[in-house]
């Protein structure tokens, strides 16, 4: 559904039906295939400028009231935190240059700014 290269170009992330997948772009092998609940399938993707973090935003499905934005550790594939707020599809994500803020844009036209300082090592 979406694909993003890490800033160094060594990792590729893809949001697929039922999973978030990361590949090594150098040798074309899968690094992680992380199953996602149907209600949290990744749609929007963005890497932080340092390449240590990946944000994924979900696509709206019937019955959902809030969409999930997940922050991932790229090295381990671990979900660091989940942020909730938008009532419709997360269509775009962008990190600030220092990686401490995440901007998210939703289908309904809203933009939210998320403080990531409590969750990351700057």
C-alpha atoms as a PDB file:
ATOM      1  CA  UNK A   1       0.000   0.000   0.000  1.00  0.00           C
ATOM      2  CA  UNK A   2       3.001   2.276   0.544  1.00  0.00           C
ATOM      3  CA  UNK A   3       6.772   2.040   0.389  1.00  0.00           C
ATOM      4  CA  UNK A   4       9.634   4.138   1.790  1.00  0.00           C
ATOM      5  CA  UNK A   5      13.426   4.100   1.641  1.00  0.00           C
ATOM      6  CA  UNK A   6      15.496   4.854   4.728  1.00  0.00           C
ATOM      7  CA  UNK A   7      17.640   8.012   4.443  1.00  0.00           C
ATOM      8  CA  UNK A   8      20.798   5.947   3.898  1.00  0.00           C
ATOM      9  CA  UNK A   9      19.039   3.856   1.244  1.00  0.00           C
ATOM     10  CA  UNK A  10      19.882   0.546   2.923  1.00  0.00           C
ATOM     11  CA  UNK A  11      16.397  -0.330   4.222  1.00  0.00           C
ATOM     12  CA  UNK A  12      13.074  -0.364   2.404  1.00  0.00           C
ATOM     13  CA  UNK A  13       9.773  -0.515   4.310  1.00  0.00           C
ATOM     14  CA  UNK A  14       6.486  -1.577   2.802  1.00  0.00           C
ATOM     15  CA  UNK A  15       2.961  -1.496   4.168  1.00  0.00           C
ATOM     16  CA  UNK A  16       1.183  -4.599   2.921  1.00  0.00           C
ATOM     17  CA  UNK A  17      -2.142  -6.223   3.661  1.00  0.00           C
ATOM     18  CA  UNK A  18      -1.717  -7.826   7.056  1.00  0.00           C
ATOM     19  CA  UNK A  19       1.910  -6.873   7.661  1.00  0.00           C
ATOM     20  CA  UNK A  20       4.649  -4.300   7.762  1.00  0.00           C
ATOM     21  CA  UNK A  21       7.760  -5.538   6.012  1.00  0.00           C
ATOM     22  CA  UNK A  22      11.336  -4.234   5.969  1.00  0.00           C
ATOM     23  CA  UNK A  23      13.925  -5.351   3.431  1.00  0.00           C
ATOM     24  CA  UNK A  24      17.669  -4.907   3.104  1.00  0.00           C
ATOM     25  CA  UNK A  25      18.010  -2.930  -0.127  1.00  0.00           C
ATOM     26  CA  UNK A  26      21.613  -4.085  -0.608  1.00  0.00           C
ATOM     27  CA  UNK A  27      21.000  -7.842  -0.758  1.00  0.00           C
ATOM     28  CA  UNK A  28      17.191  -7.882  -1.237  1.00  0.00           C
ATOM     29  CA  UNK A  29      16.464  -9.994   1.841  1.00  0.00           C
ATOM     30  CA  UNK A  30      13.619  -9.571   4.304  1.00  0.00           C
ATOM     31  CA  UNK A  31      14.734  -8.087   7.621  1.00  0.00           C
ATOM     32  CA  UNK A  32      11.321  -8.194   9.312  1.00  0.00           C
ATOM     33  CA  UNK A  33       7.781  -9.186   8.460  1.00  0.00           C
ATOM     34  CA  UNK A  34       5.665  -7.883  11.313  1.00  0.00           C
ATOM     35  CA  UNK A  35       2.056  -9.118  11.271  1.00  0.00           C
ATOM     36  CA  UNK A  36      -0.501  -6.331  11.691  1.00  0.00           C
ATOM     37  CA  UNK A  37      -4.084  -6.672  12.888  1.00  0.00           C
ATOM     38  CA  UNK A  38      -6.519  -6.045  10.051  1.00  0.00           C
ATOM     39  CA  UNK A  39      -7.630  -2.882  11.813  1.00  0.00           C
ATOM     40  CA  UNK A  40      -4.047  -1.536  11.878  1.00  0.00           C
ATOM     41  CA  UNK A  41      -2.705  -2.285   8.399  1.00  0.00           C
ATOM     42  CA  UNK A  42       0.003   0.261   7.541  1.00  0.00           C
ATOM     43  CA  UNK A  43      -0.785   2.786   4.837  1.00  0.00           C
ATOM     44  CA  UNK A  44       1.451   5.864   5.268  1.00  0.00           C
ATOM     45  CA  UNK A  45       5.165   5.352   6.020  1.00  0.00           C
ATOM     46  CA  UNK A  46       8.056   7.661   6.907  1.00  0.00           C
ATOM     47  CA  UNK A  47      11.608   7.157   8.163  1.00  0.00           C
ATOM     48  CA  UNK A  48      13.224   9.583  10.590  1.00  0.00           C
ATOM     49  CA  UNK A  49      16.219  11.482   9.182  1.00  0.00           C
ATOM     50  CA  UNK A  50      18.593   9.417  11.353  1.00  0.00           C
ATOM     51  CA  UNK A  51      17.071   6.222   9.924  1.00  0.00           C
ATOM     52  CA  UNK A  52      16.584   4.659  13.368  1.00  0.00           C
ATOM     53  CA  UNK A  53      12.811   5.069  13.429  1.00  0.00           C
ATOM     54  CA  UNK A  54       9.914   4.313  11.105  1.00  0.00           C
ATOM     55  CA  UNK A  55       6.398   5.667  11.523  1.00  0.00           C
ATOM     56  CA  UNK A  56       3.401   3.877  10.031  1.00  0.00           C
ATOM     57  CA  UNK A  57      -0.167   5.163   9.852  1.00  0.00           C
ATOM     58  CA  UNK A  58      -3.286   3.068   9.397  1.00  0.00           C
ATOM     59  CA  UNK A  59      -6.063   3.007   6.848  1.00  0.00           C
ATOM     60  CA  UNK A  60      -9.637   3.500   8.066  1.00  0.00           C
ATOM     61  CA  UNK A  61     -11.876   0.449   8.253  1.00  0.00           C
ATOM     62  CA  UNK A  62     -15.533   0.225   9.213  1.00  0.00           C
ATOM     63  CA  UNK A  63     -16.077   0.323  12.949  1.00  0.00           C
ATOM     64  CA  UNK A  64     -12.830   2.152  13.743  1.00  0.00           C
ATOM     65  CA  UNK A  65     -13.083   5.396  15.704  1.00  0.00           C
ATOM     66  CA  UNK A  66      -9.395   6.371  15.830  1.00  0.00           C
ATOM     67  CA  UNK A  67      -6.489   5.501  13.545  1.00  0.00           C
ATOM     68  CA  UNK A  68      -3.180   4.199  14.862  1.00  0.00           C
ATOM     69  CA  UNK A  69       0.220   5.706  14.170  1.00  0.00           C
ATOM     70  CA  UNK A  70       2.950   3.306  15.214  1.00  0.00           C
ATOM     71  CA  UNK A  71       6.560   4.215  15.881  1.00  0.00           C
ATOM     72  CA  UNK A  72       9.012   1.405  15.131  1.00  0.00           C
ATOM     73  CA  UNK A  73      12.659   0.753  15.970  1.00  0.00           C
ATOM     74  CA  UNK A  74      14.165  -0.109  12.574  1.00  0.00           C
ATOM     75  CA  UNK A  75      17.038  -2.214  13.974  1.00  0.00           C
ATOM     76  CA  UNK A  76      14.860  -4.516  16.079  1.00  0.00           C
ATOM     77  CA  UNK A  77      11.420  -4.219  14.473  1.00  0.00           C
ATOM     78  CA  UNK A  78      10.016  -3.398  17.914  1.00  0.00           C
ATOM     79  CA  UNK A  79       6.928  -1.191  18.237  1.00  0.00           C
ATOM     80  CA  UNK A  80       8.072   1.677  20.466  1.00  0.00           C
ATOM     81  CA  UNK A  81       4.665   3.303  20.923  1.00  0.00           C
ATOM     82  CA  UNK A  82       1.254   3.709  19.317  1.00  0.00           C
ATOM     83  CA  UNK A  83      -0.349   7.136  18.942  1.00  0.00           C
ATOM     84  CA  UNK A  84      -4.114   7.575  18.476  1.00  0.00           C
ATOM     85  CA  UNK A  85      -5.982  10.660  17.279  1.00  0.00           C
ATOM     86  CA  UNK A  86      -7.155  10.901  13.658  1.00  0.00           C
ATOM     87  CA  UNK A  87     -10.703   9.684  12.928  1.00  0.00           C
ATOM     88  CA  UNK A  88      -9.905   8.902   9.250  1.00  0.00           C
ATOM     89  CA  UNK A  89      -7.069   7.414   7.146  1.00  0.00           C
ATOM     90  CA  UNK A  90      -3.538   8.527   7.924  1.00  0.00           C
ATOM     91  CA  UNK A  91      -2.414   9.595   4.461  1.00  0.00           C
ATOM     92  CA  UNK A  92       0.910  11.260   5.162  1.00  0.00           C
ATOM     93  CA  UNK A  93       3.647  11.239   7.780  1.00  0.00           C
ATOM     94  CA  UNK A  94       6.785  13.370   8.118  1.00  0.00           C
ATOM     95  CA  UNK A  95       9.465  13.659  10.782  1.00  0.00           C
ATOM     96  CA  UNK A  96      11.007  16.989  11.732  1.00  0.00           C
ATOM     97  CA  UNK A  97      14.704  17.205  10.781  1.00  0.00           C
ATOM     98  CA  UNK A  98      15.792  16.477  14.378  1.00  0.00           C
ATOM     99  CA  UNK A  99      13.300  13.589  14.662  1.00  0.00           C
ATOM    100  CA  UNK A 100      11.577  14.878  17.779  1.00  0.00           C
ATOM    101  CA  UNK A 101       8.283  15.787  16.080  1.00  0.00           C
ATOM    102  CA  UNK A 102       6.093  13.725  13.794  1.00  0.00           C
ATOM    103  CA  UNK A 103       3.498  15.395  11.573  1.00  0.00           C
ATOM    104  CA  UNK A 104       0.531  13.326  10.419  1.00  0.00           C
ATOM    105  CA  UNK A 105      -2.057  14.233   7.816  1.00  0.00           C
ATOM    106  CA  UNK A 106      -5.448  12.584   7.600  1.00  0.00           C
ATOM    107  CA  UNK A 107      -8.103  12.103   4.904  1.00  0.00           C
ATOM    108  CA  UNK A 108     -10.374  14.556   6.726  1.00  0.00           C
ATOM    109  CA  UNK A 109      -7.815  17.338   6.203  1.00  0.00           C
ATOM    110  CA  UNK A 110      -6.489  17.520   9.752  1.00  0.00           C
ATOM    111  CA  UNK A 111      -2.799  17.696  10.567  1.00  0.00           C
ATOM    112  CA  UNK A 112      -1.478  16.672  13.958  1.00  0.00           C
ATOM    113  CA  UNK A 113       1.948  17.189  15.499  1.00  0.00           C
ATOM    114  CA  UNK A 114       3.249  14.521  17.864  1.00  0.00           C
ATOM    115  CA  UNK A 115       6.029  15.067  20.420  1.00  0.00           C
ATOM    116  CA  UNK A 116       8.289  12.006  20.168  1.00  0.00           C
ATOM    117  CA  UNK A 117      10.822  13.060  22.815  1.00  0.00           C
ATOM    118  CA  UNK A 118       9.385  10.685  25.460  1.00  0.00           C
ATOM    119  CA  UNK A 119       9.826   7.710  23.095  1.00  0.00           C
ATOM    120  CA  UNK A 120      13.139   8.185  21.263  1.00  0.00           C
ATOM    121  CA  UNK A 121      16.825   8.737  21.929  1.00  0.00           C
ATOM    122  CA  UNK A 122      17.623  12.020  20.164  1.00  0.00           C
END
